[in-house]
Protein backbone atom coordinates (compact mmCIF):
# COMPACT_ATOMS: atom_id res chain seq x y z
CA UNK A 1 66.34 -74.74 119.79
CA UNK A 2 64.18 -76.72 117.19
CA UNK A 3 62.88 -79.63 118.80
CA UNK A 4 59.65 -80.69 117.31
CA UNK A 5 58.44 -83.31 119.59
CA UNK A 6 55.66 -85.35 119.26
CA UNK A 7 53.66 -83.14 116.97
CA UNK A 8 55.69 -83.09 113.94
CA UNK A 9 53.54 -84.34 111.01
CA UNK A 10 50.51 -84.82 113.18
CA UNK A 11 47.13 -83.24 114.44
CA UNK A 12 45.80 -83.23 117.98
CA UNK A 13 42.56 -84.77 118.80
CA UNK A 14 43.38 -85.42 122.38
CA UNK A 15 46.31 -87.38 121.19
CA UNK A 16 48.84 -86.65 118.31
CA UNK A 17 47.68 -88.79 115.06
CA UNK A 18 47.88 -88.58 111.60
CA UNK A 19 45.56 -85.86 110.01
CA UNK A 20 43.73 -87.30 106.88
CA UNK A 21 45.02 -84.52 104.75
CA UNK A 22 48.43 -85.64 104.96
CA UNK A 23 51.30 -83.15 106.01
CA UNK A 24 52.34 -79.66 105.29
CA UNK A 25 55.88 -77.99 105.65
CA UNK A 26 56.50 -74.88 107.96
CA UNK A 27 58.04 -72.19 105.97
CA UNK A 28 60.35 -69.57 107.58
CA UNK A 29 59.46 -66.29 106.13
CA UNK A 30 62.80 -64.75 106.53
CA UNK A 31 64.57 -67.28 104.34
CA UNK A 32 62.20 -69.64 102.61
CA UNK A 33 63.41 -72.50 104.24
CA UNK A 34 61.21 -75.46 105.61
CA UNK A 35 61.82 -75.46 109.18
CA UNK A 36 59.20 -78.21 110.22
CA UNK A 37 56.22 -80.27 109.02
CA UNK A 38 52.77 -80.20 110.66
CA UNK A 39 49.61 -82.75 110.09
CA UNK A 40 46.69 -81.39 108.16
CA UNK A 41 43.00 -82.31 108.88
CA UNK A 42 40.14 -82.53 106.51
CA UNK A 43 36.40 -82.21 106.76
CA UNK A 44 35.94 -85.95 108.13
CA UNK A 45 38.55 -84.88 111.11
CA UNK A 46 36.35 -82.02 112.01
CA UNK A 47 33.30 -84.38 112.23
CA UNK A 48 34.88 -86.65 114.37
CA UNK A 49 36.49 -84.04 116.57
CA UNK A 50 33.17 -82.28 117.05
CA UNK A 51 31.79 -85.72 118.35
CA UNK A 52 34.45 -86.05 120.58
CA UNK A 53 34.43 -82.47 121.90
CA UNK A 54 30.79 -82.59 122.71
CA UNK A 55 31.08 -85.92 124.80
CA UNK A 56 34.31 -84.53 126.60
CA UNK A 57 32.72 -80.94 127.45
CA UNK A 58 29.80 -82.69 129.38
CA UNK A 59 32.46 -84.25 131.79
CA UNK A 60 34.84 -81.01 131.65
CA UNK A 61 31.89 -78.77 132.56
CA UNK A 62 30.76 -80.96 135.66
CA UNK A 63 34.17 -80.81 137.16
CA UNK A 64 34.43 -78.19 140.23
CA UNK A 65 35.69 -74.84 139.49
CA UNK A 66 38.85 -75.20 141.41
CA UNK A 67 39.94 -78.26 139.55
CA UNK A 68 39.39 -76.62 136.00
CA UNK A 69 41.10 -73.38 137.14
CA UNK A 70 44.16 -75.92 138.38
CA UNK A 71 44.42 -76.94 134.90
CA UNK A 72 44.72 -73.19 133.67
CA UNK A 73 47.26 -72.28 136.33
CA UNK A 74 49.48 -75.41 135.42
CA UNK A 75 49.44 -74.26 131.78
CA UNK A 76 50.38 -70.78 132.48
CA UNK A 77 53.32 -72.33 134.82
CA UNK A 78 54.49 -74.38 131.91
CA UNK A 79 54.09 -71.43 129.30
CA UNK A 80 56.56 -69.65 131.27
CA UNK A 81 58.54 -72.71 131.55
CA UNK A 82 58.93 -73.28 127.65
CA UNK A 83 59.64 -69.39 126.94
CA UNK A 84 62.71 -70.38 124.82
CA UNK A 85 60.83 -72.92 123.09
CA UNK A 86 57.66 -71.11 122.12
CA UNK A 87 59.52 -67.71 121.28
CA UNK A 88 61.96 -69.79 118.87
CA UNK A 89 58.89 -70.87 117.05
CA UNK A 90 57.29 -67.34 117.17
CA UNK A 91 60.43 -66.02 115.57
CA UNK A 92 61.22 -68.39 113.20
CA UNK A 93 57.76 -69.49 111.85
CA UNK A 94 55.96 -66.01 112.16
CA UNK A 95 58.68 -63.55 111.41
CA UNK A 96 58.32 -62.02 115.05
CA UNK A 97 61.47 -60.01 116.28
CA UNK A 98 62.33 -61.18 119.87
CA UNK A 99 60.81 -58.28 121.66
CA UNK A 100 57.61 -58.75 120.13
CA UNK A 101 57.54 -62.77 120.81
CA UNK A 102 58.37 -62.07 124.46
CA UNK A 103 55.82 -59.61 124.80
CA UNK A 104 53.09 -61.90 123.26
CA UNK A 105 54.12 -64.77 125.64
CA UNK A 106 53.76 -62.61 128.83
CA UNK A 107 50.53 -61.19 127.33
CA UNK A 108 49.26 -65.02 127.06
CA UNK A 109 50.52 -65.65 130.43
CA UNK A 110 48.34 -62.90 131.76
CA UNK A 111 45.29 -64.03 129.89
CA UNK A 112 45.54 -67.62 131.26
CA UNK A 113 45.73 -66.42 134.76
CA UNK A 114 42.96 -64.04 134.12
CA UNK A 115 40.63 -66.94 132.80
CA UNK A 116 41.71 -69.25 135.52
CA UNK A 117 40.21 -66.70 138.06
CA UNK A 118 36.73 -66.95 136.04
CA UNK A 119 35.32 -70.19 137.47
CA UNK A 120 35.18 -69.12 140.98
CA UNK A 121 32.90 -66.06 140.19
CA UNK A 122 29.37 -65.65 140.61
CA UNK A 123 27.43 -67.59 138.09
CA UNK A 124 24.05 -65.99 138.28
CA UNK A 125 21.19 -63.74 140.05
CA UNK A 126 18.18 -64.37 141.92
CA UNK A 127 15.02 -62.34 140.93
CA UNK A 128 11.93 -61.80 142.73
CA UNK A 129 8.25 -63.38 141.53
CA UNK A 130 5.02 -62.23 141.67
CA UNK A 131 4.08 -65.92 142.44
CA UNK A 132 4.01 -66.76 146.22
CA UNK A 133 6.85 -69.23 147.05
CA UNK A 134 8.43 -69.14 143.64
CA UNK A 135 12.42 -68.84 143.44
CA UNK A 136 13.68 -67.20 139.89
CA UNK A 137 17.36 -68.18 139.35
CA UNK A 138 19.09 -66.51 136.29
CA UNK A 139 22.45 -68.31 135.64
CA UNK A 140 25.38 -68.76 133.15
CA UNK A 141 26.31 -71.96 131.74
CA UNK A 142 28.58 -73.16 129.14
CA UNK A 143 27.90 -72.89 125.44
CA UNK A 144 29.29 -76.05 124.86
CA UNK A 145 31.46 -76.85 122.01
CA UNK A 146 33.50 -73.43 120.81
CA UNK A 147 35.23 -73.31 117.56
CA UNK A 148 38.15 -70.80 117.47
CA UNK A 149 39.83 -69.90 114.16
CA UNK A 150 42.79 -67.67 114.96
CA UNK A 151 45.29 -65.63 112.90
CA UNK A 152 48.84 -65.80 112.27
CA UNK A 153 50.20 -62.33 113.22
CA UNK A 154 49.72 -63.03 117.01
CA UNK A 155 48.93 -66.66 116.97
CA UNK A 156 49.66 -67.53 120.52
CA UNK A 157 48.02 -64.57 122.15
CA UNK A 158 45.10 -64.43 119.89
CA UNK A 159 44.31 -67.99 120.19
CA UNK A 160 44.75 -68.24 123.97
CA UNK A 161 42.26 -64.95 124.13
CA UNK A 162 39.67 -67.20 123.21
CA UNK A 163 40.83 -70.52 124.41
CA UNK A 164 41.52 -69.87 127.97
CA UNK A 165 38.08 -68.23 128.92
CA UNK A 166 36.23 -70.90 126.95
CA UNK A 167 37.81 -73.58 128.88
CA UNK A 168 37.67 -72.03 132.33
CA UNK A 169 33.82 -71.50 131.79
CA UNK A 170 33.36 -75.34 131.18
CA UNK A 171 33.45 -75.39 127.16
CA UNK A 172 35.45 -77.51 124.80
CA UNK A 173 37.29 -76.10 122.38
CA UNK A 174 38.33 -76.90 118.66
CA UNK A 175 40.97 -74.86 117.37
CA UNK A 176 41.80 -74.33 113.98
CA UNK A 177 45.17 -72.31 113.45
CA UNK A 178 46.19 -69.85 110.55
CA UNK A 179 48.09 -72.28 107.94
CA UNK A 180 51.17 -69.82 108.64
CA UNK A 181 51.39 -70.51 112.08
CA UNK A 182 50.33 -73.94 112.68
CA UNK A 183 53.27 -74.47 115.27
CA UNK A 184 53.04 -71.37 117.21
CA UNK A 185 49.45 -70.94 117.42
CA UNK A 186 48.41 -74.60 117.36
CA UNK A 187 50.97 -77.59 118.19
CA UNK A 188 52.65 -75.61 121.02
CA UNK A 189 49.36 -75.02 122.57
CA UNK A 190 48.14 -78.40 122.43
CA UNK A 191 51.12 -79.83 124.16
CA UNK A 192 50.87 -76.99 126.79
CA UNK A 193 47.18 -77.80 127.49
CA UNK A 194 47.74 -81.64 127.39
CA UNK A 195 50.79 -81.63 129.89
CA UNK A 196 48.80 -79.21 132.13
CA UNK A 197 46.26 -81.95 132.75
CA UNK A 198 43.49 -81.16 130.38
CA UNK A 199 41.14 -84.15 129.82
CA UNK A 200 41.48 -85.70 126.41
CA UNK A 201 39.20 -84.13 123.86
CA UNK A 202 38.36 -80.98 125.50
CA UNK A 203 40.96 -79.17 123.24
CA UNK A 204 41.78 -80.29 119.73
CA UNK A 205 43.83 -78.67 116.97
CA UNK A 206 43.13 -78.94 113.39
CA UNK A 207 45.29 -77.48 110.97
CA UNK A 208 44.18 -77.12 107.61
CA UNK A 209 42.71 -75.28 104.46
CA UNK A 210 39.45 -73.00 104.26
CA UNK A 211 37.51 -76.27 103.92
CA UNK A 212 38.44 -77.14 107.44
CA UNK A 213 37.66 -73.63 108.64
CA UNK A 214 34.18 -74.02 106.85
CA UNK A 215 33.28 -77.12 108.40
CA UNK A 216 34.17 -76.10 111.83
CA UNK A 217 31.92 -73.16 111.41
CA UNK A 218 28.94 -75.12 109.85
CA UNK A 219 28.92 -78.26 112.25
CA UNK A 220 25.80 -78.62 114.18
CA UNK A 221 27.68 -79.88 117.40
CA UNK A 222 29.99 -76.81 117.30
CA UNK A 223 27.95 -74.30 119.25
CA UNK A 224 29.88 -70.98 119.01
CA UNK A 225 32.56 -69.63 116.79
CA UNK A 226 35.13 -67.14 117.85
CA UNK A 227 36.93 -65.81 114.77
CA UNK A 228 39.91 -63.25 114.57
CA UNK A 229 40.78 -62.37 110.93
CA UNK A 230 39.77 -60.18 107.93
CA UNK A 231 36.48 -58.61 107.41
CA UNK A 232 35.69 -60.33 104.16
CA UNK A 233 35.98 -63.61 106.05
CA UNK A 234 34.03 -62.49 109.17
CA UNK A 235 31.30 -61.40 107.07
CA UNK A 236 31.10 -64.75 105.41
CA UNK A 237 31.27 -66.49 108.84
CA UNK A 238 28.61 -64.09 110.33
CA UNK A 239 26.14 -64.91 107.33
CA UNK A 240 26.70 -68.79 107.83
CA UNK A 241 26.51 -68.57 111.89
CA UNK A 242 23.23 -66.17 111.43
CA UNK A 243 21.25 -68.74 109.06
CA UNK A 244 22.34 -71.51 111.63
CA UNK A 245 21.34 -69.63 114.77
CA UNK A 246 24.77 -70.16 116.06
CA UNK A 247 26.65 -67.54 118.20
CA UNK A 248 29.70 -66.07 116.97
CA UNK A 249 32.22 -63.44 117.96
CA UNK A 250 34.01 -61.61 115.18
CA UNK A 251 37.08 -59.63 115.73
CA UNK A 252 37.99 -58.35 112.34
CA UNK A 253 40.31 -55.88 110.55
CA UNK A 254 40.96 -52.27 111.32
CA UNK A 255 42.17 -48.99 109.42
CA UNK A 256 42.92 -47.20 112.69
CA UNK A 257 43.47 -43.44 112.67
CA UNK A 258 45.66 -41.16 114.79
CA UNK A 259 44.75 -37.64 114.88
CA UNK A 260 47.26 -35.06 115.78
CA UNK A 261 46.03 -31.74 116.44
CA UNK A 262 47.99 -28.52 115.99
CA UNK A 263 48.81 -28.34 119.87
CA UNK A 264 50.36 -31.63 120.22
CA UNK A 265 53.52 -32.86 121.48
CA UNK A 266 55.25 -33.59 117.96
CA UNK A 267 57.94 -35.50 119.26
CA UNK A 268 55.71 -37.56 121.51
CA UNK A 269 53.09 -38.28 118.74
CA UNK A 270 55.83 -39.45 116.47
CA UNK A 271 57.08 -41.73 119.02
CA UNK A 272 53.77 -43.19 119.38
CA UNK A 273 53.08 -43.05 115.61
CA UNK A 274 56.27 -45.15 114.76
CA UNK A 275 55.51 -47.76 117.29
CA UNK A 276 51.99 -48.15 116.10
CA UNK A 277 52.96 -48.16 112.58
CA UNK A 278 56.14 -50.27 112.38
CA UNK A 279 55.63 -52.81 115.22
CA UNK A 280 55.65 -56.30 113.83
CA UNK A 281 55.88 -54.96 110.09
CA UNK A 282 52.38 -53.53 110.64
CA UNK A 283 50.76 -56.78 110.71
CA UNK A 284 48.38 -55.78 113.63
CA UNK A 285 44.80 -55.29 113.18
CA UNK A 286 45.05 -52.22 115.43
CA UNK A 287 48.07 -51.00 113.33
CA UNK A 288 48.12 -46.97 113.22
CA UNK A 289 47.21 -47.18 109.41
CA UNK A 290 45.79 -43.70 108.99
CA UNK A 291 47.88 -40.71 110.34
CA UNK A 292 45.44 -37.60 110.35
CA UNK A 293 47.54 -34.47 111.02
CA UNK A 294 46.84 -30.73 111.40
CA UNK A 295 48.28 -28.96 108.31
CA UNK A 296 50.23 -26.70 110.62
CA UNK A 297 52.38 -29.42 111.93
CA UNK A 298 52.43 -32.06 109.29
CA UNK A 299 55.70 -31.19 107.52
CA UNK A 300 57.30 -31.48 111.22
CA UNK A 301 55.59 -34.60 111.96
CA UNK A 302 56.56 -36.16 108.59
CA UNK A 303 60.05 -35.29 108.64
CA UNK A 304 60.52 -36.76 112.22
CA UNK A 305 58.57 -39.83 111.44
CA UNK A 306 60.52 -40.41 108.55
CA UNK A 307 63.78 -39.93 110.50
CA UNK A 308 62.78 -42.58 113.00
CA UNK A 309 61.65 -44.94 110.04
CA UNK A 310 65.29 -44.75 108.74
CA UNK A 311 67.06 -45.70 112.10
CA UNK A 312 64.83 -48.83 112.08
CA UNK A 313 66.93 -52.13 111.09
CA UNK A 314 65.43 -54.54 108.87
CA UNK A 315 66.53 -58.10 108.63
CA UNK A 316 66.27 -61.81 109.78
CA UNK A 317 65.12 -61.84 113.46
CA UNK A 318 66.10 -65.64 113.66
CA UNK A 319 69.96 -64.47 113.23
CA UNK A 320 70.05 -60.87 113.81
CA UNK A 321 68.94 -58.50 116.58
CA UNK A 322 66.62 -56.17 114.14
CA UNK A 323 63.56 -53.88 114.64
CA UNK A 324 61.58 -55.06 111.45
CA UNK A 325 61.27 -58.69 110.14
CA UNK A 326 60.05 -60.19 107.07
CA UNK A 327 56.03 -59.97 106.13
CA UNK A 328 54.55 -63.22 106.70
CA UNK A 329 54.78 -64.17 102.95
CA UNK A 330 55.35 -63.37 99.51
CA UNK A 331 51.64 -62.60 98.69
CA UNK A 332 51.51 -60.26 101.58
CA UNK A 333 54.72 -58.57 100.43
CA UNK A 334 53.62 -58.04 97.08
CA UNK A 335 50.31 -56.60 98.29
CA UNK A 336 51.98 -53.71 100.51
CA UNK A 337 54.35 -52.83 97.68
CA UNK A 338 51.15 -52.75 95.42
CA UNK A 339 49.29 -50.35 97.58
CA UNK A 340 52.36 -48.08 97.97
CA UNK A 341 52.97 -47.80 94.31
CA UNK A 342 49.21 -47.12 93.54
CA UNK A 343 49.18 -44.44 96.15
CA UNK A 344 52.22 -42.85 94.65
CA UNK A 345 51.16 -43.08 91.20
CA UNK A 346 47.77 -41.21 92.55
CA UNK A 347 49.98 -38.33 94.08
CA UNK A 348 51.16 -39.62 97.40
CA UNK A 349 54.82 -38.34 98.31
CA UNK A 350 57.06 -41.02 99.18
CA UNK A 351 59.12 -39.38 102.02
CA UNK A 352 61.05 -42.75 102.98
CA UNK A 353 61.31 -46.23 102.25
CA UNK A 354 58.70 -47.97 99.59
CA UNK A 355 61.30 -50.57 98.55
CA UNK A 356 60.78 -54.41 98.80
CA UNK A 357 63.40 -57.22 99.14
CA UNK A 358 62.01 -60.67 99.06
CA UNK A 359 59.42 -60.83 102.10
CA UNK A 360 61.09 -57.79 103.53
CA UNK A 361 59.50 -54.30 103.20
CA UNK A 362 61.27 -50.98 104.44
CA UNK A 363 59.50 -48.76 106.91
CA UNK A 364 57.80 -46.35 104.86
CA UNK A 365 56.24 -42.85 105.07
CA UNK A 366 53.76 -41.41 102.52
CA UNK A 367 52.70 -37.73 102.69
CA UNK A 368 49.60 -36.08 101.05
CA UNK A 369 47.75 -39.28 100.98
CA UNK A 370 43.98 -38.63 100.18
CA UNK A 371 41.01 -40.67 100.87
CA UNK A 372 40.70 -41.71 97.31
CA UNK A 373 43.88 -43.59 97.46
CA UNK A 374 44.50 -47.44 98.27
CA UNK A 375 46.87 -46.48 101.18
CA UNK A 376 44.02 -44.46 102.88
CA UNK A 377 41.31 -47.13 101.95
CA UNK A 378 42.91 -50.50 102.70
CA UNK A 379 44.19 -52.27 105.69
CA UNK A 380 47.72 -52.30 104.47
CA UNK A 381 49.02 -54.88 107.15
CA UNK A 382 52.41 -53.90 106.46
CA UNK A 383 55.17 -51.27 107.86
CA UNK A 384 53.70 -48.18 105.99
CA UNK A 385 52.45 -44.77 107.67
CA UNK A 386 50.25 -42.62 105.26
CA UNK A 387 49.67 -39.17 106.52
CA UNK A 388 46.64 -37.03 105.61
CA UNK A 389 46.22 -33.31 106.18
CA UNK A 390 43.64 -31.83 107.89
CA UNK A 391 42.49 -27.96 108.67
CA UNK A 392 39.63 -28.31 111.20
CA UNK A 393 38.31 -30.69 113.82
CA UNK A 394 35.28 -31.25 111.80
CA UNK A 395 37.44 -32.22 108.71
CA UNK A 396 39.52 -34.75 110.82
CA UNK A 397 36.37 -36.55 112.00
CA UNK A 398 34.99 -36.64 108.80
CA UNK A 399 38.25 -38.22 107.32
CA UNK A 400 38.26 -40.78 110.09
CA UNK A 401 34.86 -41.64 109.18
CA UNK A 402 35.65 -41.97 105.47
CA UNK A 403 36.52 -45.57 106.37
CA UNK A 404 33.96 -48.12 107.50
CA UNK A 405 36.50 -49.78 110.10
CA UNK A 406 35.97 -48.76 113.87
CA UNK A 407 38.42 -50.96 115.67
CA UNK A 408 40.88 -48.45 117.41
CA UNK A 409 41.71 -44.62 117.44
CA UNK A 410 43.99 -42.17 118.97
CA UNK A 411 43.99 -38.68 119.48
CA UNK A 412 46.99 -36.46 120.25
CA UNK A 413 46.76 -32.97 121.99
CA UNK A 414 48.02 -30.88 125.20
CA UNK A 415 44.41 -30.56 126.23
CA UNK A 416 42.73 -33.56 127.32
CA UNK A 417 39.30 -31.97 127.32
CA UNK A 418 39.68 -31.13 123.57
CA UNK A 419 40.82 -34.50 122.96
CA UNK A 420 37.79 -36.31 124.85
CA UNK A 421 35.61 -34.07 123.14
CA UNK A 422 36.87 -35.76 119.76
CA UNK A 423 36.79 -38.96 121.36
CA UNK A 424 32.97 -38.60 122.10
CA UNK A 425 32.43 -38.03 118.41
CA UNK A 426 34.72 -40.79 117.05
CA UNK A 427 32.94 -44.41 116.08
CA UNK A 428 35.76 -46.52 117.49
CA UNK A 429 35.71 -49.62 119.75
CA UNK A 430 38.96 -48.27 121.59
CA UNK A 431 40.01 -44.92 121.68
CA UNK A 432 43.61 -43.86 123.37
CA UNK A 433 44.53 -40.25 123.99
CA UNK A 434 48.23 -39.04 123.76
CA UNK A 435 49.04 -42.78 122.85
CA UNK A 436 49.05 -44.86 119.74
CA UNK A 437 46.26 -47.75 118.44
CA UNK A 438 48.02 -50.99 119.23
CA UNK A 439 46.88 -51.16 122.92
CA UNK A 440 45.71 -54.11 124.90
CA UNK A 441 45.22 -54.69 128.44
CA UNK A 442 44.24 -58.27 129.33
CA UNK A 443 41.48 -57.07 131.91
CA UNK A 444 39.80 -54.38 129.72
CA UNK A 445 37.13 -55.55 127.26
CA UNK A 446 38.57 -55.28 123.81
CA UNK A 447 36.65 -55.12 120.36
CA UNK A 448 35.57 -53.04 117.53
CA UNK A 449 32.62 -51.23 115.84
CA UNK A 450 31.28 -51.39 112.16
CA UNK A 451 33.30 -53.28 109.70
CA UNK A 452 35.79 -54.13 112.47
CA UNK A 453 33.60 -56.61 114.49
CA UNK A 454 30.06 -57.61 115.49
CA UNK A 455 30.39 -56.09 118.75
CA UNK A 456 31.72 -58.82 120.72
CA UNK A 457 34.23 -58.19 123.30
CA UNK A 458 37.33 -60.02 124.67
CA UNK A 459 38.87 -59.56 128.04
CA UNK A 460 37.86 -59.08 131.73
CA UNK A 461 34.20 -59.49 132.56
CA UNK A 462 33.20 -59.47 128.86
CA UNK A 463 34.91 -63.08 128.41
CA UNK A 464 31.94 -64.16 130.50
CA UNK A 465 29.27 -62.79 128.28
CA UNK A 466 30.93 -64.10 125.25
CA UNK A 467 31.82 -67.65 126.17
CA UNK A 468 28.33 -68.59 128.13
CA UNK A 469 24.79 -68.53 127.60
CA UNK A 470 22.24 -67.78 130.05
CA UNK A 471 19.30 -69.92 131.55
CA UNK A 472 16.16 -69.04 133.89
CA UNK A 473 15.11 -71.75 136.44
CA UNK A 474 12.09 -71.14 138.28
CA UNK A 475 10.95 -73.39 141.32
CA UNK A 476 8.09 -73.60 143.44
CA UNK A 477 7.18 -76.45 146.31
CA UNK A 478 3.75 -77.10 145.07
CA UNK A 479 2.37 -77.23 141.46
CA UNK A 480 0.29 -74.21 140.44
CA UNK A 481 -3.35 -74.31 140.27
CA UNK A 482 -4.43 -72.83 136.88
CA UNK A 483 -8.11 -72.05 135.71
CA UNK A 484 -8.16 -74.94 133.26
C-alpha cells in the first residue's frame, strides 16, 4: 500500500495547502529510495498557524465535553481501520519492523481512548473560606495553544501521547514532526483527526527544519511546548521557555541501566536484555543502554546475550520478516559505529557484532566497558549492549549514577526485597524489577529525572496536570466592606 492521498507535497493548516518552504522527499532508510514527498513550512507559516490555532481553540474549548470526546473516539476507530496504511508508512519511512509498527499503533489507539475519557473528569475543587458567604472554586482550564515537537523513533505514539490529551482538555495543537517521519508522525495524524470531525484549525501539522521548531517554541500565541527528543535540544527549549515564562514539558534522552545481581535468573535477565537493547535497533530513549552485571555471572550473561544477538536477522523490514531493521539514516549509523570503535580502542572487548552495512548495524555486545568509554557515557541509540562489571551493590549504584541521565532502570534479582532496596537508592523516573527498561503503560505516568527531563509526566492522571492550568475563582453575594 502506498497511497499518498491529499497530503502529498502539502502541509496541514486545517486543510491541505502548499508550504511556503517548498517540498521535501520522504526517504526510505532501508534502501535510500524516495517513497514520497511532503510540504515544508516556514516561520511565516508558523505565525499564521498560531493565530489560527488561538482562534480555533476558543471555539473548541467551549464545546461540551461529550462532543470533544466523540471526536477522539472516532479518531481511535479510524486509526484501527487504517492499520494497513499506517503500518506501511511506519515500516517504510521509519525502518520499523512489522511487530514494532503494530505495537506502536495499538499503543497509540490506547492513548487516544484514555484521552477521550479525560473531558468527563472533575475539573476542580471547592475550598472553604474564612469570609462568610464566600465560595472558593479552584478549577483546571485549558492552557490554550500547545506546540508539540515529536521525534522520529516512535513518531505515531509519541505525537499522539501529547496531541490526544491536549485536544481532549480543550487546547488546540500545532504539531512539528521530525523531518525523518513527516508522514507517519505528521500527515497521517492530520488526516486522521480531520476525518474524525476535529474543527478546522484545532490541529495543524507543520513539517520543517530547525527554524520551524524554533518559531513554534518562541511564538507568543503558543502557550506550552511539549518536546520529546535529545537532552541537548531540550535544554535549549527549556532555556527559551524559561525566559518567555512559557510552560514546557521535556521528555529527553536516557542511558538506562540494567543491574544484574549475582542471584539473578540469568536466562530471564538475558531475555529482557536482548529486548531492551535491540528492539527497534536500539533507537529508543528507554533502551537498555548500560548492562551492569555482577562479576560472578558476567561471563555467562555476556555469552548468552551474544547467542541471542547472533540469532537476530538484520534486513529490510519492508520486504522481509526481520528482527533488526535499518538505523534511521547514514549519520546515525556512522555515529553508532564510531562509538563502538572508540570503545574497542579504549579496551572494550567485542563479543559479537560491531559491523555496519549502509544504514544496517549488527546487534553488538561489548564486554569490559568502563565508565570512561564512549559506549558507557553516550546515549548510543543503536543496537549495542555494553556490559560493565561490578563487585558490590554500592559499586553498582555508583556506576548507575555516573551518568547524568535518569529516565528508566531495571534491577534483576531472585529477591524482590533486595531489588527494592536497590530501587530505593536509584535516581530514575521509572524502575522495573526483573524486567527490561523499555516499558510503557498508557495509564501510568511516565517521565524521567536529571538530564532525562524536567519532571513532567505523560499518561493517566498526569495528563491533566500537564495540559491544563489552574484558576481560582471566589464569589460572594454582596461586595465586602473594607476599612478604606
